[in-house]
Amino acid sequence: MSDPTREEAQMPYNPTQGEHGEIERVLQRHQASLLATPGVTGVAVGRSAIGDPAIVIYLLDKKYRAGLPGALEGHPVVTEVTGPIDALGR
């Protein structure tokens, strides 16, 4: 008889595989060059307007959108204006 308090997953959890694994690898390959672009304050994996996985580029101002790619290695790129990001709160 099985133990009802023990939960067994049908599929093992592995965050490096599946829906976001490939897009995260693409982001890692392009992260340094994206962050070196003037006006780019950050990058992440997020969602497009229709809910598909996308690479998100955070910008100081909308004027920095010009020249950014619309896709990277087949993955959509979306931009979001955040203004300056100060993780240390200074």
C-alpha atoms as a PDB file:
ATOM      1  CA  MET A   1       0.000   0.000   0.000  1.00  0.00           C
ATOM      2  CA  SER A   2       1.347   3.437  -0.893  1.00  0.00           C
ATOM      3  CA  ASP A   3       1.952   6.227   1.598  1.00  0.00           C
ATOM      4  CA  PRO A   4      -0.710   8.950   0.940  1.00  0.00           C
ATOM      5  CA  THR A   5       1.473  11.643   2.542  1.00  0.00           C
ATOM      6  CA  ARG A   6       4.261  11.109   0.043  1.00  0.00           C
ATOM      7  CA  GLU A   7       3.810  12.932  -3.228  1.00  0.00           C
ATOM      8  CA  GLU A   8       5.386  11.506  -6.330  1.00  0.00           C
ATOM      9  CA  ALA A   9       5.706  13.727  -9.365  1.00  0.00           C
ATOM     10  CA  GLN A  10       4.775  12.285 -12.722  1.00  0.00           C
ATOM     11  CA  MET A  11       7.563  14.244 -14.347  1.00  0.00           C
ATOM     12  CA  PRO A  12      10.833  15.265 -12.707  1.00  0.00           C
ATOM     13  CA  TYR A  13      11.431  18.995 -12.305  1.00  0.00           C
ATOM     14  CA  ASN A  14      14.424  20.220 -14.258  1.00  0.00           C
ATOM     15  CA  PRO A  15      14.507  23.991 -14.818  1.00  0.00           C
ATOM     16  CA  THR A  16      17.203  23.736 -17.492  1.00  0.00           C
ATOM     17  CA  GLN A  17      14.910  21.787 -19.781  1.00  0.00           C
ATOM     18  CA  GLY A  18      11.487  22.396 -21.199  1.00  0.00           C
ATOM     19  CA  GLU A  19       9.775  25.619 -22.106  1.00  0.00           C
ATOM     20  CA  HIS A  20      12.347  28.083 -20.764  1.00  0.00           C
ATOM     21  CA  GLY A  21      15.573  26.078 -21.008  1.00  0.00           C
ATOM     22  CA  GLU A  22      16.407  27.012 -24.590  1.00  0.00           C
ATOM     23  CA  ILE A  23      15.392  30.656 -24.301  1.00  0.00           C
ATOM     24  CA  GLU A  24      17.497  31.005 -21.133  1.00  0.00           C
ATOM     25  CA  ARG A  25      20.526  29.643 -23.013  1.00  0.00           C
ATOM     26  CA  VAL A  26      19.886  32.133 -25.838  1.00  0.00           C
ATOM     27  CA  LEU A  27      19.690  34.957 -23.300  1.00  0.00           C
ATOM     28  CA  GLN A  28      22.958  33.842 -21.698  1.00  0.00           C
ATOM     29  CA  ARG A  29      24.695  33.913 -25.089  1.00  0.00           C
ATOM     30  CA  HIS A  30      23.492  37.473 -25.813  1.00  0.00           C
ATOM     31  CA  GLN A  31      23.346  38.969 -22.320  1.00  0.00           C
ATOM     32  CA  ALA A  32      26.751  40.694 -22.316  1.00  0.00           C
ATOM     33  CA  SER A  33      26.239  42.392 -25.675  1.00  0.00           C
ATOM     34  CA  LEU A  34      22.693  43.465 -24.789  1.00  0.00           C
ATOM     35  CA  LEU A  35      23.802  44.950 -21.464  1.00  0.00           C
ATOM     36  CA  ALA A  36      26.614  46.805 -23.247  1.00  0.00           C
ATOM     37  CA  THR A  37      24.036  48.549 -25.463  1.00  0.00           C
ATOM     38  CA  PRO A  38      23.403  52.194 -24.486  1.00  0.00           C
ATOM     39  CA  GLY A  39      20.117  52.617 -22.622  1.00  0.00           C
ATOM     40  CA  VAL A  40      19.739  48.937 -21.670  1.00  0.00           C
ATOM     41  CA  THR A  41      19.361  48.551 -17.899  1.00  0.00           C
ATOM     42  CA  GLY A  42      18.626  44.820 -17.713  1.00  0.00           C
ATOM     43  CA  VAL A  43      17.543  41.650 -19.484  1.00  0.00           C
ATOM     44  CA  ALA A  44      15.403  38.685 -18.463  1.00  0.00           C
ATOM     45  CA  VAL A  45      13.180  35.895 -19.704  1.00  0.00           C
ATOM     46  CA  GLY A  46       9.535  36.895 -19.568  1.00  0.00           C
ATOM     47  CA  ARG A  47       6.409  36.761 -21.702  1.00  0.00           C
ATOM     48  CA  SER A  48       5.313  38.445 -24.907  1.00  0.00           C
ATOM     49  CA  ALA A  49       2.005  40.302 -25.170  1.00  0.00           C
ATOM     50  CA  ILE A  50       0.315  37.033 -26.180  1.00  0.00           C
ATOM     51  CA  GLY A  51       1.904  35.013 -23.381  1.00  0.00           C
ATOM     52  CA  ASP A  52       4.696  33.257 -25.266  1.00  0.00           C
ATOM     53  CA  PRO A  53       8.165  33.033 -23.695  1.00  0.00           C
ATOM     54  CA  ALA A  54      10.225  36.054 -24.734  1.00  0.00           C
ATOM     55  CA  ILE A  55      13.477  37.835 -23.989  1.00  0.00           C
ATOM     56  CA  VAL A  56      12.717  41.079 -22.170  1.00  0.00           C
ATOM     57  CA  ILE A  57      15.056  44.050 -22.527  1.00  0.00           C
ATOM     58  CA  TYR A  58      14.629  46.777 -19.896  1.00  0.00           C
ATOM     59  CA  LEU A  59      15.353  50.325 -21.072  1.00  0.00           C
ATOM     60  CA  LEU A  60      16.061  53.734 -19.564  1.00  0.00           C
ATOM     61  CA  ASP A  61      13.772  55.427 -22.084  1.00  0.00           C
ATOM     62  CA  LYS A  62      11.729  54.486 -25.163  1.00  0.00           C
ATOM     63  CA  LYS A  63      14.220  56.307 -27.420  1.00  0.00           C
ATOM     64  CA  TYR A  64      16.628  53.378 -26.905  1.00  0.00           C
ATOM     65  CA  ARG A  65      14.303  50.879 -28.665  1.00  0.00           C
ATOM     66  CA  ALA A  66      15.721  51.805 -32.071  1.00  0.00           C
ATOM     67  CA  GLY A  67      18.238  49.270 -33.300  1.00  0.00           C
ATOM     68  CA  LEU A  68      17.316  46.496 -30.864  1.00  0.00           C
ATOM     69  CA  PRO A  69      16.501  43.113 -32.385  1.00  0.00           C
ATOM     70  CA  GLY A  70      12.900  41.959 -32.699  1.00  0.00           C
ATOM     71  CA  ALA A  71      14.021  38.375 -32.104  1.00  0.00           C
ATOM     72  CA  LEU A  72      17.117  36.476 -30.988  1.00  0.00           C
ATOM     73  CA  GLU A  73      17.720  33.025 -32.426  1.00  0.00           C
ATOM     74  CA  GLY A  74      14.011  32.695 -33.173  1.00  0.00           C
ATOM     75  CA  HIS A  75      12.785  33.901 -29.768  1.00  0.00           C
ATOM     76  CA  PRO A  76      10.750  37.125 -29.623  1.00  0.00           C
ATOM     77  CA  VAL A  77      12.244  40.168 -27.926  1.00  0.00           C
ATOM     78  CA  VAL A  78      10.058  42.625 -26.038  1.00  0.00           C
ATOM     79  CA  THR A  79      11.138  45.895 -24.459  1.00  0.00           C
ATOM     80  CA  GLU A  80       9.964  47.533 -21.277  1.00  0.00           C
ATOM     81  CA  VAL A  81      10.848  51.053 -20.183  1.00  0.00           C
ATOM     82  CA  THR A  82      11.798  50.999 -16.511  1.00  0.00           C
ATOM     83  CA  GLY A  83      14.003  54.033 -16.164  1.00  0.00           C
ATOM     84  CA  PRO A  84      17.163  53.632 -14.072  1.00  0.00           C
ATOM     85  CA  ILE A  85      17.458  50.468 -11.998  1.00  0.00           C
ATOM     86  CA  ASP A  86      19.321  50.817  -8.720  1.00  0.00           C
ATOM     87  CA  ALA A  87      19.460  47.419  -7.043  1.00  0.00           C
ATOM     88  CA  LEU A  88      21.430  48.832  -4.103  1.00  0.00           C
ATOM     89  CA  GLY A  89      18.914  51.592  -3.382  1.00  0.00           C
ATOM     90  CA  ARG A  90      21.400  54.439  -3.541  1.00  0.00           C
END
